[in-house]
Amino acid sequence: VLLILFNFGVGLLLPWLKFRPSELMAMGAMMLTGG
């Protein structure tokens, strides 16, 4: 959801808000561990 809604959706309107792939990997690792 973060990737589709935020990175693709908001990233089209405000490209400076897009997360870099390395940031997405860090957040994904945090969520997988927390889950």
PDB file of all heavy atoms in Angstrom:
ATOM      1  N   VAL A   1       0.838  -1.204   0.000  1.00  0.00           N
ATOM      2  CA  VAL A   1       0.000   0.000   0.000  1.00  0.00           C
ATOM      3  C   VAL A   1       0.870   1.251   0.000  1.00  0.00           C
ATOM      4  O   VAL A   1       0.599   2.211  -0.727  1.00  0.00           O
ATOM      5  CB  VAL A   1      -0.970  -0.016   1.203  1.00  0.00           C
ATOM      6  CG1 VAL A   1      -1.629   1.327   1.403  1.00  0.00           C
ATOM      7  CG2 VAL A   1      -2.007  -1.099   1.010  1.00  0.00           C
ATOM      8  N   LEU A   2       1.939   1.234   0.800  1.00  0.00           N
ATOM      9  CA  LEU A   2       2.855   2.367   0.832  1.00  0.00           C
ATOM     10  C   LEU A   2       3.481   2.591  -0.534  1.00  0.00           C
ATOM     11  O   LEU A   2       3.572   3.721  -1.010  1.00  0.00           O
ATOM     12  CB  LEU A   2       3.945   2.132   1.882  1.00  0.00           C
ATOM     13  CG  LEU A   2       5.036   3.185   1.977  1.00  0.00           C
ATOM     14  CD1 LEU A   2       4.487   4.454   2.604  1.00  0.00           C
ATOM     15  CD2 LEU A   2       6.203   2.665   2.773  1.00  0.00           C
ATOM     16  N   LEU A   3       3.868   1.533  -1.183  1.00  0.00           N
ATOM     17  CA  LEU A   3       4.500   1.647  -2.495  1.00  0.00           C
ATOM     18  C   LEU A   3       3.520   2.146  -3.539  1.00  0.00           C
ATOM     19  O   LEU A   3       3.824   3.085  -4.290  1.00  0.00           O
ATOM     20  CB  LEU A   3       5.072   0.289  -2.916  1.00  0.00           C
ATOM     21  CG  LEU A   3       5.742   0.232  -4.284  1.00  0.00           C
ATOM     22  CD1 LEU A   3       7.027   1.040  -4.261  1.00  0.00           C
ATOM     23  CD2 LEU A   3       6.022  -1.185  -4.680  1.00  0.00           C
ATOM     24  N   ILE A   4       2.335   1.564  -3.605  1.00  0.00           N
ATOM     25  CA  ILE A   4       1.374   1.928  -4.642  1.00  0.00           C
ATOM     26  C   ILE A   4       0.762   3.302  -4.385  1.00  0.00           C
ATOM     27  O   ILE A   4       0.808   4.193  -5.237  1.00  0.00           O
ATOM     28  CB  ILE A   4       0.255   0.863  -4.751  1.00  0.00           C
ATOM     29  CG1 ILE A   4       0.832  -0.464  -5.211  1.00  0.00           C
ATOM     30  CG2 ILE A   4      -0.855   1.317  -5.686  1.00  0.00           C
ATOM     31  CD1 ILE A   4       1.490  -0.430  -6.573  1.00  0.00           C
ATOM     32  N   LEU A   5       0.197   3.494  -3.201  1.00  0.00           N
ATOM     33  CA  LEU A   5      -0.504   4.748  -2.941  1.00  0.00           C
ATOM     34  C   LEU A   5       0.444   5.930  -2.788  1.00  0.00           C
ATOM     35  O   LEU A   5       0.207   6.997  -3.348  1.00  0.00           O
ATOM     36  CB  LEU A   5      -1.373   4.624  -1.688  1.00  0.00           C
ATOM     37  CG  LEU A   5      -2.570   3.711  -1.783  1.00  0.00           C
ATOM     38  CD1 LEU A   5      -3.348   3.726  -0.485  1.00  0.00           C
ATOM     39  CD2 LEU A   5      -3.464   4.101  -2.934  1.00  0.00           C
ATOM     40  N   PHE A   6       1.500   5.732  -2.022  1.00  0.00           N
ATOM     41  CA  PHE A   6       2.354   6.877  -1.737  1.00  0.00           C
ATOM     42  C   PHE A   6       3.372   7.117  -2.843  1.00  0.00           C
ATOM     43  O   PHE A   6       3.421   8.189  -3.426  1.00  0.00           O
ATOM     44  CB  PHE A   6       3.071   6.706  -0.395  1.00  0.00           C
ATOM     45  CG  PHE A   6       3.731   7.971   0.054  1.00  0.00           C
ATOM     46  CD1 PHE A   6       2.998   8.940   0.692  1.00  0.00           C
ATOM     47  CD2 PHE A   6       5.066   8.199  -0.198  1.00  0.00           C
ATOM     48  CE1 PHE A   6       3.589  10.124   1.092  1.00  0.00           C
ATOM     49  CE2 PHE A   6       5.672   9.372   0.192  1.00  0.00           C
ATOM     50  CZ  PHE A   6       4.933  10.336   0.838  1.00  0.00           C
ATOM     51  N   ASN A   7       4.183   6.116  -3.125  1.00  0.00           N
ATOM     52  CA  ASN A   7       5.272   6.359  -4.075  1.00  0.00           C
ATOM     53  C   ASN A   7       4.763   6.643  -5.482  1.00  0.00           C
ATOM     54  O   ASN A   7       5.281   7.526  -6.152  1.00  0.00           O
ATOM     55  CB  ASN A   7       6.242   5.189  -4.080  1.00  0.00           C
ATOM     56  CG  ASN A   7       7.541   5.540  -3.393  1.00  0.00           C
ATOM     57  OD1 ASN A   7       7.608   6.501  -2.638  1.00  0.00           O
ATOM     58  ND2 ASN A   7       8.556   4.760  -3.650  1.00  0.00           N
ATOM     59  N   PHE A   8       3.787   5.897  -5.936  1.00  0.00           N
ATOM     60  CA  PHE A   8       3.296   6.136  -7.288  1.00  0.00           C
ATOM     61  C   PHE A   8       2.263   7.252  -7.332  1.00  0.00           C
ATOM     62  O   PHE A   8       2.279   8.092  -8.219  1.00  0.00           O
ATOM     63  CB  PHE A   8       2.720   4.857  -7.889  1.00  0.00           C
ATOM     64  CG  PHE A   8       3.753   3.796  -8.129  1.00  0.00           C
ATOM     65  CD1 PHE A   8       3.436   2.472  -7.938  1.00  0.00           C
ATOM     66  CD2 PHE A   8       5.035   4.111  -8.526  1.00  0.00           C
ATOM     67  CE1 PHE A   8       4.380   1.482  -8.154  1.00  0.00           C
ATOM     68  CE2 PHE A   8       5.982   3.129  -8.739  1.00  0.00           C
ATOM     69  CZ  PHE A   8       5.652   1.812  -8.554  1.00  0.00           C
ATOM     70  N   GLY A   9       1.361   7.262  -6.361  1.00  0.00           N
ATOM     71  CA  GLY A   9       0.302   8.269  -6.359  1.00  0.00           C
ATOM     72  C   GLY A   9       0.786   9.663  -6.013  1.00  0.00           C
ATOM     73  O   GLY A   9       0.670  10.597  -6.803  1.00  0.00           O
ATOM     74  N   VAL A  10       1.331   9.808  -4.819  1.00  0.00           N
ATOM     75  CA  VAL A  10       1.804  11.122  -4.376  1.00  0.00           C
ATOM     76  C   VAL A  10       3.073  11.512  -5.137  1.00  0.00           C
ATOM     77  O   VAL A  10       3.312  12.683  -5.399  1.00  0.00           O
ATOM     78  CB  VAL A  10       2.041  11.116  -2.848  1.00  0.00           C
ATOM     79  CG1 VAL A  10       2.637  12.416  -2.371  1.00  0.00           C
ATOM     80  CG2 VAL A  10       0.747  10.851  -2.124  1.00  0.00           C
ATOM     81  N   GLY A  11       3.871  10.519  -5.501  1.00  0.00           N
ATOM     82  CA  GLY A  11       5.106  10.797  -6.233  1.00  0.00           C
ATOM     83  C   GLY A  11       4.883  11.427  -7.589  1.00  0.00           C
ATOM     84  O   GLY A  11       5.749  12.138  -8.100  1.00  0.00           O
ATOM     85  N   LEU A  12       3.731  11.193  -8.196  1.00  0.00           N
ATOM     86  CA  LEU A  12       3.423  11.841  -9.468  1.00  0.00           C
ATOM     87  C   LEU A  12       3.163  13.332  -9.286  1.00  0.00           C
ATOM     88  O   LEU A  12       3.526  14.143 -10.131  1.00  0.00           O
ATOM     89  CB  LEU A  12       2.206  11.181 -10.125  1.00  0.00           C
ATOM     90  CG  LEU A  12       2.419   9.784 -10.680  1.00  0.00           C
ATOM     91  CD1 LEU A  12       1.093   9.203 -11.152  1.00  0.00           C
ATOM     92  CD2 LEU A  12       3.425   9.807 -11.802  1.00  0.00           C
ATOM     93  N   LEU A  13       2.513  13.670  -8.171  1.00  0.00           N
ATOM     94  CA  LEU A  13       2.199  15.077  -7.909  1.00  0.00           C
ATOM     95  C   LEU A  13       3.368  15.823  -7.278  1.00  0.00           C
ATOM     96  O   LEU A  13       3.649  16.965  -7.637  1.00  0.00           O
ATOM     97  CB  LEU A  13       0.973  15.174  -6.999  1.00  0.00           C
ATOM     98  CG  LEU A  13      -0.303  14.529  -7.533  1.00  0.00           C
ATOM     99  CD1 LEU A  13      -1.375  14.531  -6.464  1.00  0.00           C
ATOM    100  CD2 LEU A  13      -0.766  15.241  -8.781  1.00  0.00           C
ATOM    101  N   LEU A  14       4.018  15.197  -6.324  1.00  0.00           N
ATOM    102  CA  LEU A  14       5.134  15.811  -5.597  1.00  0.00           C
ATOM    103  C   LEU A  14       6.324  14.857  -5.632  1.00  0.00           C
ATOM    104  O   LEU A  14       6.541  14.077  -4.698  1.00  0.00           O
ATOM    105  CB  LEU A  14       4.739  16.095  -4.148  1.00  0.00           C
ATOM    106  CG  LEU A  14       3.495  16.954  -3.951  1.00  0.00           C
ATOM    107  CD1 LEU A  14       3.033  16.907  -2.520  1.00  0.00           C
ATOM    108  CD2 LEU A  14       3.762  18.374  -4.385  1.00  0.00           C
ATOM    109  N   PRO A  15       7.136  14.889  -6.681  1.00  0.00           N
ATOM    110  CA  PRO A  15       8.204  13.897  -6.831  1.00  0.00           C
ATOM    111  C   PRO A  15       9.267  13.959  -5.738  1.00  0.00           C
ATOM    112  O   PRO A  15       9.942  12.968  -5.479  1.00  0.00           O
ATOM    113  CB  PRO A  15       8.814  14.209  -8.200  1.00  0.00           C
ATOM    114  CG  PRO A  15       8.129  15.390  -8.729  1.00  0.00           C
ATOM    115  CD  PRO A  15       7.033  15.779  -7.812  1.00  0.00           C
ATOM    116  N   TRP A  16       9.407  15.078  -5.062  1.00  0.00           N
ATOM    117  CA  TRP A  16      10.425  15.175  -4.019  1.00  0.00           C
ATOM    118  C   TRP A  16      10.027  14.415  -2.760  1.00  0.00           C
ATOM    119  O   TRP A  16      10.844  14.171  -1.884  1.00  0.00           O
ATOM    120  CB  TRP A  16      10.717  16.638  -3.693  1.00  0.00           C
ATOM    121  CG  TRP A  16       9.499  17.436  -3.331  1.00  0.00           C
ATOM    122  CD1 TRP A  16       8.642  18.069  -4.181  1.00  0.00           C
ATOM    123  CD2 TRP A  16       8.990  17.658  -2.022  1.00  0.00           C
ATOM    124  NE1 TRP A  16       7.631  18.667  -3.476  1.00  0.00           N
ATOM    125  CE2 TRP A  16       7.828  18.444  -2.140  1.00  0.00           C
ATOM    126  CE3 TRP A  16       9.401  17.287  -0.755  1.00  0.00           C
ATOM    127  CZ2 TRP A  16       7.079  18.844  -1.053  1.00  0.00           C
ATOM    128  CZ3 TRP A  16       8.652  17.691   0.329  1.00  0.00           C
ATOM    129  CH2 TRP A  16       7.507  18.470   0.168  1.00  0.00           C
ATOM    130  N   LEU A  17       8.760  13.981  -2.660  1.00  0.00           N
ATOM    131  CA  LEU A  17       8.308  13.201  -1.507  1.00  0.00           C
ATOM    132  C   LEU A  17       8.482  11.697  -1.692  1.00  0.00           C
ATOM    133  O   LEU A  17       8.295  10.943  -0.744  1.00  0.00           O
ATOM    134  CB  LEU A  17       6.829  13.480  -1.229  1.00  0.00           C
ATOM    135  CG  LEU A  17       6.505  14.727  -0.430  1.00  0.00           C
ATOM    136  CD1 LEU A  17       5.004  14.885  -0.289  1.00  0.00           C
ATOM    137  CD2 LEU A  17       7.163  14.703   0.919  1.00  0.00           C
ATOM    138  N   LYS A  18       8.815  11.261  -2.889  1.00  0.00           N
ATOM    139  CA  LYS A  18       8.954   9.829  -3.145  1.00  0.00           C
ATOM    140  C   LYS A  18      10.061   9.239  -2.288  1.00  0.00           C
ATOM    141  O   LYS A  18      11.084   9.849  -2.044  1.00  0.00           O
ATOM    142  CB  LYS A  18       9.295   9.577  -4.613  1.00  0.00           C
ATOM    143  CG  LYS A  18       8.138   9.734  -5.552  1.00  0.00           C
ATOM    144  CD  LYS A  18       8.556   9.502  -6.970  1.00  0.00           C
ATOM    145  CE  LYS A  18       8.865   8.044  -7.195  1.00  0.00           C
ATOM    146  NZ  LYS A  18       9.030   7.734  -8.622  1.00  0.00           N
ATOM    147  N   PHE A  19       9.829   8.017  -1.816  1.00  0.00           N
ATOM    148  CA  PHE A  19      10.857   7.300  -1.083  1.00  0.00           C
ATOM    149  C   PHE A  19      11.821   6.655  -2.066  1.00  0.00           C
ATOM    150  O   PHE A  19      11.421   6.146  -3.114  1.00  0.00           O
ATOM    151  CB  PHE A  19      10.242   6.210  -0.201  1.00  0.00           C
ATOM    152  CG  PHE A  19       9.506   6.740   0.985  1.00  0.00           C
ATOM    153  CD1 PHE A  19       8.138   6.619   1.067  1.00  0.00           C
ATOM    154  CD2 PHE A  19      10.179   7.360   2.014  1.00  0.00           C
ATOM    155  CE1 PHE A  19       7.449   7.093   2.158  1.00  0.00           C
ATOM    156  CE2 PHE A  19       9.506   7.845   3.115  1.00  0.00           C
ATOM    157  CZ  PHE A  19       8.139   7.714   3.187  1.00  0.00           C
ATOM    158  N   ARG A  20      13.091   6.655  -1.714  1.00  0.00           N
ATOM    159  CA  ARG A  20      14.095   5.960  -2.507  1.00  0.00           C
ATOM    160  C   ARG A  20      13.974   4.462  -2.254  1.00  0.00           C
ATOM    161  O   ARG A  20      13.434   4.047  -1.227  1.00  0.00           O
ATOM    162  CB  ARG A  20      15.499   6.447  -2.138  1.00  0.00           C
ATOM    163  CG  ARG A  20      15.731   7.894  -2.476  1.00  0.00           C
ATOM    164  CD  ARG A  20      17.199   8.272  -2.335  1.00  0.00           C
ATOM    165  NE  ARG A  20      17.806   7.780  -1.113  1.00  0.00           N
ATOM    166  CZ  ARG A  20      17.990   8.516  -0.021  1.00  0.00           C
ATOM    167  NH1 ARG A  20      17.612   9.763   0.009  1.00  0.00           N
ATOM    168  NH2 ARG A  20      18.557   7.995   1.046  1.00  0.00           N
ATOM    169  N   PRO A  21      14.445   3.625  -3.172  1.00  0.00           N
ATOM    170  CA  PRO A  21      14.358   2.176  -2.952  1.00  0.00           C
ATOM    171  C   PRO A  21      15.044   1.727  -1.666  1.00  0.00           C
ATOM    172  O   PRO A  21      14.564   0.816  -0.989  1.00  0.00           O
ATOM    173  CB  PRO A  21      15.040   1.580  -4.185  1.00  0.00           C
ATOM    174  CG  PRO A  21      14.860   2.613  -5.239  1.00  0.00           C
ATOM    175  CD  PRO A  21      14.907   3.934  -4.538  1.00  0.00           C
ATOM    176  N   SER A  22      16.150   2.364  -1.307  1.00  0.00           N
ATOM    177  CA  SER A  22      16.830   1.977  -0.073  1.00  0.00           C
ATOM    178  C   SER A  22      15.983   2.311   1.155  1.00  0.00           C
ATOM    179  O   SER A  22      15.982   1.562   2.133  1.00  0.00           O
ATOM    180  CB  SER A  22      18.190   2.672   0.013  1.00  0.00           C
ATOM    181  OG  SER A  22      18.032   4.075  -0.023  1.00  0.00           O
ATOM    182  N   GLU A  23      15.238   3.404   1.109  1.00  0.00           N
ATOM    183  CA  GLU A  23      14.350   3.745   2.216  1.00  0.00           C
ATOM    184  C   GLU A  23      13.197   2.742   2.306  1.00  0.00           C
ATOM    185  O   GLU A  23      12.801   2.338   3.403  1.00  0.00           O
ATOM    186  CB  GLU A  23      13.795   5.155   2.051  1.00  0.00           C
ATOM    187  CG  GLU A  23      14.818   6.244   2.212  1.00  0.00           C
ATOM    188  CD  GLU A  23      14.259   7.614   1.899  1.00  0.00           C
ATOM    189  OE1 GLU A  23      13.483   7.749   0.929  1.00  0.00           O
ATOM    190  OE2 GLU A  23      14.608   8.549   2.626  1.00  0.00           O
ATOM    191  N   LEU A  24      12.660   2.342   1.164  1.00  0.00           N
ATOM    192  CA  LEU A  24      11.582   1.351   1.155  1.00  0.00           C
ATOM    193  C   LEU A  24      12.061   0.012   1.704  1.00  0.00           C
ATOM    194  O   LEU A  24      11.329  -0.670   2.424  1.00  0.00           O
ATOM    195  CB  LEU A  24      11.026   1.180  -0.258  1.00  0.00           C
ATOM    196  CG  LEU A  24      10.179   2.329  -0.781  1.00  0.00           C
ATOM    197  CD1 LEU A  24       9.909   2.147  -2.265  1.00  0.00           C
ATOM    198  CD2 LEU A  24       8.880   2.431  -0.010  1.00  0.00           C
ATOM    199  N   MET A  25      13.300  -0.358   1.383  1.00  0.00           N
ATOM    200  CA  MET A  25      13.842  -1.611   1.911  1.00  0.00           C
ATOM    201  C   MET A  25      14.010  -1.534   3.422  1.00  0.00           C
ATOM    202  O   MET A  25      13.716  -2.498   4.138  1.00  0.00           O
ATOM    203  CB  MET A  25      15.174  -1.943   1.248  1.00  0.00           C
ATOM    204  CG  MET A  25      15.035  -2.402  -0.173  1.00  0.00           C
ATOM    205  SD  MET A  25      16.533  -3.071  -0.899  1.00  0.00           S
ATOM    206  CE  MET A  25      17.700  -1.773  -0.670  1.00  0.00           C
ATOM    207  N   ALA A  26      14.476  -0.393   3.931  1.00  0.00           N
ATOM    208  CA  ALA A  26      14.645  -0.236   5.376  1.00  0.00           C
ATOM    209  C   ALA A  26      13.299  -0.289   6.083  1.00  0.00           C
ATOM    210  O   ALA A  26      13.144  -0.963   7.112  1.00  0.00           O
ATOM    211  CB  ALA A  26      15.368   1.078   5.674  1.00  0.00           C
ATOM    212  N   MET A  27      12.291   0.416   5.538  1.00  0.00           N
ATOM    213  CA  MET A  27      10.963   0.398   6.155  1.00  0.00           C
ATOM    214  C   MET A  27      10.341  -0.992   6.055  1.00  0.00           C
ATOM    215  O   MET A  27       9.670  -1.447   6.984  1.00  0.00           O
ATOM    216  CB  MET A  27      10.061   1.438   5.489  1.00  0.00           C
ATOM    217  CG  MET A  27      10.443   2.852   5.824  1.00  0.00           C
ATOM    218  SD  MET A  27       9.307   4.070   5.178  1.00  0.00           S
ATOM    219  CE  MET A  27       9.606   3.942   3.430  1.00  0.00           C
ATOM    220  N   GLY A  28      10.546  -1.678   4.941  1.00  0.00           N
ATOM    221  CA  GLY A  28      10.024  -3.032   4.790  1.00  0.00           C
ATOM    222  C   GLY A  28      10.639  -3.988   5.795  1.00  0.00           C
ATOM    223  O   GLY A  28       9.944  -4.819   6.379  1.00  0.00           O
ATOM    224  N   ALA A  29      11.936  -3.871   6.010  1.00  0.00           N
ATOM    225  CA  ALA A  29      12.597  -4.731   6.999  1.00  0.00           C
ATOM    226  C   ALA A  29      12.081  -4.442   8.400  1.00  0.00           C
ATOM    227  O   ALA A  29      11.873  -5.358   9.204  1.00  0.00           O
ATOM    228  CB  ALA A  29      14.104  -4.522   6.933  1.00  0.00           C
ATOM    229  N   MET A  30      11.847  -3.161   8.695  1.00  0.00           N
ATOM    230  CA  MET A  30      11.300  -2.809  10.011  1.00  0.00           C
ATOM    231  C   MET A  30       9.907  -3.393  10.197  1.00  0.00           C
ATOM    232  O   MET A  30       9.596  -3.946  11.258  1.00  0.00           O
ATOM    233  CB  MET A  30      11.256  -1.289  10.159  1.00  0.00           C
ATOM    234  CG  MET A  30      12.596  -0.639  10.302  1.00  0.00           C
ATOM    235  SD  MET A  30      12.506   1.153  10.292  1.00  0.00           S
ATOM    236  CE  MET A  30      11.685   1.467  11.846  1.00  0.00           C
ATOM    237  N   MET A  31       9.056  -3.296   9.169  1.00  0.00           N
ATOM    238  CA  MET A  31       7.687  -3.803   9.287  1.00  0.00           C
ATOM    239  C   MET A  31       7.659  -5.326   9.340  1.00  0.00           C
ATOM    240  O   MET A  31       6.858  -5.900  10.068  1.00  0.00           O
ATOM    241  CB  MET A  31       6.831  -3.300   8.125  1.00  0.00           C
ATOM    242  CG  MET A  31       6.455  -1.854   8.257  1.00  0.00           C
ATOM    243  SD  MET A  31       5.239  -1.342   7.052  1.00  0.00           S
ATOM    244  CE  MET A  31       6.111  -1.582   5.520  1.00  0.00           C
ATOM    245  N   LEU A  32       8.495  -5.992   8.563  1.00  0.00           N
ATOM    246  CA  LEU A  32       8.525  -7.455   8.596  1.00  0.00           C
ATOM    247  C   LEU A  32       8.968  -7.956   9.966  1.00  0.00           C
ATOM    248  O   LEU A  32       8.432  -8.930  10.482  1.00  0.00           O
ATOM    249  CB  LEU A  32       9.442  -7.994   7.503  1.00  0.00           C
ATOM    250  CG  LEU A  32       8.926  -7.835   6.078  1.00  0.00           C
ATOM    251  CD1 LEU A  32       9.998  -8.236   5.078  1.00  0.00           C
ATOM    252  CD2 LEU A  32       7.672  -8.647   5.869  1.00  0.00           C
ATOM    253  N   THR A  33       9.930  -7.260  10.563  1.00  0.00           N
ATOM    254  CA  THR A  33      10.380  -7.647  11.893  1.00  0.00           C
ATOM    255  C   THR A  33       9.315  -7.341  12.929  1.00  0.00           C
ATOM    256  O   THR A  33       9.021  -8.153  13.807  1.00  0.00           O
ATOM    257  CB  THR A  33      11.683  -6.909  12.243  1.00  0.00           C
ATOM    258  OG1 THR A  33      12.657  -7.171  11.236  1.00  0.00           O
ATOM    259  CG2 THR A  33      12.210  -7.350  13.591  1.00  0.00           C
ATOM    260  N   GLY A  34       8.708  -6.163  12.828  1.00  0.00           N
ATOM    261  CA  GLY A  34       7.647  -5.792  13.769  1.00  0.00           C
ATOM    262  C   GLY A  34       6.419  -6.659  13.645  1.00  0.00           C
ATOM    263  O   GLY A  34       5.764  -6.980  14.633  1.00  0.00           O
ATOM    264  N   GLY A  35       6.076  -7.059  12.427  1.00  0.00           N
ATOM    265  CA  GLY A  35       4.925  -7.932  12.226  1.00  0.00           C
ATOM    266  C   GLY A  35       5.164  -9.335  12.766  1.00  0.00           C
ATOM    267  O   GLY A  35       4.239  -9.984  13.248  1.00  0.00           O
TER     268      GLY A  35
END
